[in-house]
Protein backbone atom coordinates (compact mmCIF):
# COMPACT_ATOMS: atom_id res chain seq x y z
CA MET A 1 -9.65 -32.12 -20.67
CA LYS A 2 -12.45 -34.55 -21.71
CA ILE A 3 -15.64 -32.53 -21.23
CA SER A 4 -17.38 -33.59 -24.14
CA THR A 5 -17.58 -37.47 -22.90
CA TYR A 6 -19.44 -36.61 -19.44
CA GLU A 7 -22.59 -37.45 -19.88
CA ASP A 8 -23.53 -35.09 -17.12
CA LYS A 9 -23.01 -31.55 -18.20
CA GLY A 10 -23.09 -30.03 -15.02
CA ILE A 11 -19.87 -31.34 -14.49
CA ALA A 12 -18.64 -30.02 -17.71
CA CYS A 13 -20.29 -26.74 -16.45
CA ALA A 14 -18.74 -26.77 -12.89
CA GLN A 15 -15.22 -27.05 -14.67
CA TYR A 16 -15.81 -24.02 -17.13
CA VAL A 17 -17.08 -22.36 -13.93
CA LEU A 18 -13.55 -23.32 -12.22
CA ILE A 19 -11.49 -22.40 -15.02
CA PHE A 20 -13.42 -18.91 -15.00
CA PHE A 21 -12.98 -18.48 -11.26
CA ASN A 22 -9.30 -19.04 -12.20
CA LEU A 23 -9.15 -16.25 -14.37
CA ILE A 24 -10.54 -14.02 -12.29
CA LEU A 25 -8.06 -14.82 -9.58
CA TRP A 26 -5.42 -13.63 -12.29
CA ILE A 27 -6.83 -10.47 -12.90
CA ILE A 28 -7.23 -9.69 -9.48
CA GLY A 29 -3.33 -11.10 -8.41
CA GLY A 30 -2.27 -9.04 -11.59
CA ILE A 31 -3.92 -5.92 -10.01
CA MET A 32 -2.83 -6.48 -6.60
CA LEU A 33 1.00 -7.37 -8.41
CA GLY A 34 1.00 -4.00 -10.15
CA MET A 35 -0.23 -1.73 -7.48
CA GLY A 36 1.96 -3.20 -4.97
CA ILE A 37 5.72 -2.57 -7.73
CA TYR A 38 3.83 0.86 -8.79
CA PHE A 39 4.17 2.00 -4.47
CA HIS A 40 7.68 0.54 -4.64
CA VAL A 41 8.53 2.50 -7.85
CA HIS A 42 6.83 5.94 -7.68
CA SER A 43 6.83 6.11 -3.55
CA ASP A 44 9.71 8.46 -3.27
CA VAL A 45 8.51 10.67 -1.00
CA TYR A 46 6.85 8.53 1.95
CA SER A 47 9.91 5.88 1.13
CA THR A 48 12.12 8.36 1.73
CA LEU A 49 10.59 9.96 5.12
CA THR A 50 8.84 6.68 6.51
CA SER A 51 9.97 3.49 4.78
CA GLU A 52 9.60 0.94 7.76
CA THR A 53 5.90 1.75 7.62
CA TYR A 54 5.20 2.29 3.65
CA TYR A 55 6.96 -1.20 1.68
CA ILE A 56 4.77 -3.02 4.75
CA GLY A 57 1.27 -2.56 2.87
CA ALA A 58 3.37 -2.09 -0.95
CA ASN A 59 4.89 -5.82 0.06
CA LEU A 60 1.47 -7.29 1.03
CA LEU A 61 0.06 -6.55 -1.92
CA ILE A 62 3.19 -7.59 -4.08
CA ILE A 63 2.97 -11.31 -2.48
CA GLY A 64 -1.09 -11.25 -1.90
CA GLY A 65 -1.05 -10.24 -6.16
CA CYS A 66 2.25 -13.75 -6.87
CA LEU A 67 -0.38 -15.91 -4.50
CA LEU A 68 -3.23 -14.79 -6.43
CA ILE A 69 -1.60 -15.54 -9.79
CA VAL A 70 -0.16 -19.00 -8.39
CA GLY A 71 -3.39 -20.05 -7.77
CA GLY A 72 -4.71 -19.10 -10.79
CA PHE A 73 -2.41 -21.54 -12.57
CA LEU A 74 -3.28 -24.29 -10.08
CA GLY A 75 -6.74 -24.22 -10.30
CA CYS A 76 -6.89 -24.27 -14.21
CA GLY A 77 -4.19 -27.09 -14.19
CA ALA A 78 -6.32 -28.94 -11.94
CA ALA A 79 -8.89 -28.38 -14.30
CA LEU A 80 -7.54 -29.18 -17.40
CA TRP A 81 -4.83 -32.03 -16.22
CA ASP A 82 -8.35 -34.30 -15.31
CA ASN A 83 -6.50 -34.66 -12.14
CA GLN A 84 -8.43 -34.99 -8.55
CA LEU A 85 -5.11 -34.67 -6.63
CA ALA A 86 -4.00 -31.32 -8.84
CA LEU A 87 -7.66 -30.59 -7.63
CA LEU A 88 -7.45 -31.44 -3.50
CA GLY A 89 -3.66 -29.38 -4.04
CA PHE A 90 -5.28 -26.62 -5.53
CA ILE A 91 -7.90 -26.83 -2.53
CA PHE A 92 -5.30 -26.28 0.11
CA TYR A 93 -3.80 -23.68 -1.45
CA LEU A 94 -6.74 -21.54 -1.41
CA VAL A 95 -7.07 -23.13 1.73
CA ILE A 96 -3.37 -21.61 3.28
CA SER A 97 -4.01 -18.45 1.04
CA LEU A 98 -7.03 -17.96 2.23
CA GLY A 99 -6.09 -17.93 6.07
CA LEU A 100 -2.66 -14.97 4.47
CA GLU A 101 -5.64 -13.01 3.41
CA ILE A 102 -7.46 -12.40 6.37
CA ALA A 103 -4.87 -12.12 8.61
CA THR A 104 -3.40 -9.47 5.98
CA ALA A 105 -7.12 -7.97 6.46
CA VAL A 106 -6.21 -7.68 10.13
CA PHE A 107 -3.44 -6.48 9.92
CA GLY A 108 -4.60 -3.29 7.64
CA TYR A 109 -7.33 -2.60 10.28
CA GLN A 110 -5.78 -3.80 13.49
CA GLY A 111 -2.36 -3.02 12.72
CA THR A 112 -2.79 1.33 11.94
CA PRO A 113 -2.04 2.69 15.36
CA GLY A 114 1.15 0.66 15.81
CA LEU A 115 2.62 2.05 12.10
CA GLU A 116 1.21 5.37 13.05
CA ARG A 117 3.68 5.32 15.68
CA ILE A 118 6.22 4.06 13.95
CA ALA A 119 5.67 7.17 11.35
CA LEU A 120 5.81 9.70 13.80
CA LYS A 121 8.74 8.60 15.19
CA HIS A 122 10.89 8.63 11.65
CA MET A 123 9.05 11.79 10.78
CA THR A 124 10.37 13.80 14.01
CA GLN A 125 13.92 12.58 13.35
CA ASP A 126 13.40 13.92 9.73
CA VAL A 127 12.65 17.22 10.81
CA GLN A 128 14.81 17.44 13.67
CA THR A 129 18.53 15.92 12.64
CA LYS A 130 17.98 14.41 8.96
CA TYR A 131 16.99 17.77 7.62
CA PHE A 132 20.45 19.55 8.14
CA ASN A 133 22.90 16.60 6.41
CA MET A 134 20.63 14.10 4.29
CA PRO A 135 19.80 15.63 0.67
CA ASN A 136 17.35 13.07 -0.05
CA VAL A 137 15.27 13.67 3.33
CA ARG A 138 15.63 17.03 2.36
CA THR A 139 14.58 16.79 -1.17
CA ALA A 140 11.81 14.47 0.14
CA MET A 141 10.05 16.74 2.71
CA ASP A 142 10.31 19.53 0.88
CA ARG A 143 7.83 18.06 -1.24
CA LEU A 144 5.88 16.60 1.03
CA GLN A 145 5.50 20.26 2.39
CA SER A 146 5.17 22.33 -0.72
CA THR A 147 2.54 19.48 -2.37
CA ARG A 148 0.35 18.35 1.08
CA HIS A 149 -0.03 21.54 1.94
CA CYS A 150 1.92 21.06 5.57
CA CYS A 151 4.77 22.56 7.60
CA GLY A 152 7.08 20.57 10.66
CA TYR A 153 5.79 16.94 11.84
CA ASN A 154 3.27 18.73 14.40
CA ASN A 155 3.05 22.25 13.09
CA TYR A 156 5.47 25.07 12.38
CA GLN A 157 6.95 25.47 15.17
CA ASN A 158 8.94 21.99 15.20
CA TRP A 159 11.82 23.85 12.88
CA ALA A 160 12.93 26.15 15.74
CA SER A 161 14.45 23.53 17.92
CA SER A 162 15.92 21.59 14.54
CA THR A 163 19.48 20.79 13.73
CA TRP A 164 18.58 22.95 10.37
CA ALA A 165 17.64 26.18 12.42
CA LYS A 166 20.28 25.81 15.14
CA ASN A 167 23.13 25.24 12.06
CA GLY A 168 21.69 27.56 9.23
CA THR A 169 21.15 26.98 5.84
CA ILE A 170 23.42 27.63 3.04
CA GLU A 171 20.67 30.75 2.35
CA GLY A 172 21.25 32.32 4.84
CA THR A 173 21.63 32.76 9.11
CA LEU A 174 17.98 31.85 10.18
CA LYS A 175 16.28 34.32 12.35
CA PRO A 176 14.59 33.44 15.58
CA PRO A 177 11.92 32.66 16.81
CA TYR A 178 10.57 29.83 14.51
CA PRO A 179 12.37 29.13 11.01
CA VAL A 180 11.17 27.35 9.02
CA PRO A 181 12.40 25.85 5.20
CA ALA A 182 10.89 28.08 1.92
CA SER A 183 8.87 24.58 0.87
CA CYS A 184 6.08 25.73 3.86
CA CYS A 185 5.19 28.86 2.06
CA ASN A 186 2.03 29.38 1.40
CA THR A 187 2.40 30.23 -2.34
CA THR A 188 -1.96 31.16 -2.49
CA MET A 189 -1.29 33.90 -0.29
CA VAL A 190 2.09 35.56 -1.29
CA GLY A 191 1.00 35.23 -4.89
CA SER A 192 3.98 34.49 -6.15
CA ASN A 193 6.69 31.44 -6.24
CA SER A 194 9.04 33.49 -4.63
CA ALA A 195 10.79 31.96 -1.42
CA THR A 196 12.43 35.52 -0.84
CA LYS A 197 9.05 37.42 -0.95
CA CYS A 198 7.50 34.26 1.14
CA MET A 199 9.84 35.13 4.39
CA GLU A 200 10.19 38.69 4.26
CA LEU A 201 5.98 38.41 4.80
CA TYR A 202 6.21 35.78 7.22
CA ASN A 203 9.16 37.66 8.96
CA SER A 204 10.06 34.50 11.38
CA GLY A 205 6.90 33.89 12.83
CA ALA A 206 5.06 37.64 12.90
CA ASN A 207 2.61 36.44 9.90
CA THR A 208 2.09 33.09 9.71
CA ASN A 209 -0.93 33.76 7.02
CA TYR A 210 1.74 33.21 4.46
CA ILE A 211 3.02 29.64 5.06
CA TYR A 212 1.51 26.45 5.88
CA THR A 213 1.22 26.13 9.79
CA ALA A 214 -0.38 22.65 10.45
CA GLY A 215 1.89 19.50 10.54
CA CYS A 216 2.49 16.70 8.09
CA PHE A 217 1.87 13.84 9.97
CA GLN A 218 -1.44 14.45 10.37
CA ARG A 219 -1.24 14.55 6.24
CA TYR A 220 0.54 11.22 6.52
CA LYS A 221 -1.75 10.09 8.90
CA ASP A 222 -4.49 10.13 6.60
CA ASP A 223 -2.74 8.65 4.07
CA ILE A 224 -1.58 5.38 5.92
CA ILE A 225 -5.16 4.92 7.54
CA MET A 226 -6.49 5.23 3.58
CA PHE A 227 -3.93 2.70 2.22
CA MET A 228 -4.16 0.48 5.26
CA TYR A 229 -7.81 0.10 4.26
CA SER A 230 -7.59 -0.25 1.16
CA ILE A 231 -4.85 -3.07 1.89
CA ALA A 232 -7.71 -4.63 4.13
CA ALA A 233 -10.69 -4.02 2.01
CA PHE A 234 -8.85 -6.07 -1.00
CA GLY A 235 -7.84 -8.09 1.91
CA ILE A 236 -11.50 -9.00 2.46
CA GLY A 237 -12.70 -9.07 -1.43
CA VAL A 238 -10.47 -11.76 -2.45
CA SER A 239 -10.97 -13.92 0.89
CA LEU A 240 -14.81 -13.92 -0.14
CA LEU A 241 -13.77 -15.12 -3.61
CA GLN A 242 -10.99 -17.63 -2.36
CA ILE A 243 -14.20 -19.01 -0.54
CA VAL A 244 -16.07 -19.35 -2.80
CA GLY A 245 -13.26 -21.01 -5.14
CA ILE A 246 -12.94 -23.40 -2.18
CA MET A 247 -17.08 -24.46 -2.91
CA LEU A 248 -16.47 -24.80 -6.34
CA SER A 249 -13.56 -26.82 -6.24
CA PHE A 250 -15.24 -29.64 -3.38
CA VAL A 251 -18.67 -29.50 -5.85
CA LEU A 252 -16.40 -30.63 -8.64
CA PHE A 253 -14.34 -32.87 -6.82
CA PHE A 254 -16.76 -35.02 -5.34
CA SER A 255 -18.94 -35.17 -8.68
CA LEU A 256 -16.00 -36.37 -10.64
CA SER A 257 -15.47 -38.74 -7.90
CA GLY A 258 -16.56 -41.66 -9.79
CA SER A 259 -16.55 -40.32 -13.30
CA GLN A 260 -14.50 -42.56 -15.75
CA GLY A 261 -13.45 -39.16 -17.29
CA TYR A 262 -11.58 -38.23 -13.94
CA LYS A 263 -8.59 -39.60 -12.16
CA TYR A 264 -6.20 -39.27 -9.30
CA ILE A 265 -3.10 -39.56 -11.37
């Protein structure tokens, strides 16, 4: 980079600002990529129960992060290589990335209701059929119910019509009318972690104070909204940043178009 040869110190300043801007792109891109990977690795509960909806957001974060990291390299190269064609390529890349980020933001705000319907469909199947014969679903559902203090998808009564309730479990024969898994136990009310004591006090629906009665889907729905709105906020923030990058690039391009220190090839 021939900054020392430029008489116009404003041009040199613009180049430094562009390089600094691309460092910011790297940092934000790295954060987004790390978040996306984290959600993939540490998503055992939600990814098992509603994988179709969960991974959409995680994949958007990974794609967006990769785009920003690549864009950062292109932008720094455009300034360091003294090449106007590279700068034009960087501007074009930012415009394309801006469109994708705007689409991500729109999806985050507008796509949430559709994802909620898909999630409810999956969770209904998990409770009604998959919990009985799929160990990974059972483990995930038990963890969700015990940690989020919920039971069933709409409420605790959903378990009564499930395959698990109709066939019983290894714990013994289930009693009507409203059998629930031990993970629905409200350990705070019981005063201990004894599932046996909890089931005795609950007495198959006679005393619901000893179990969690609210459905798990509302808990998951809240998480979907928070997750997707966070992605939308990221998309809006990055879009604004990319607009600044496009403006800086254009200013630098036209300022250096007549300079001997900058070239097309």
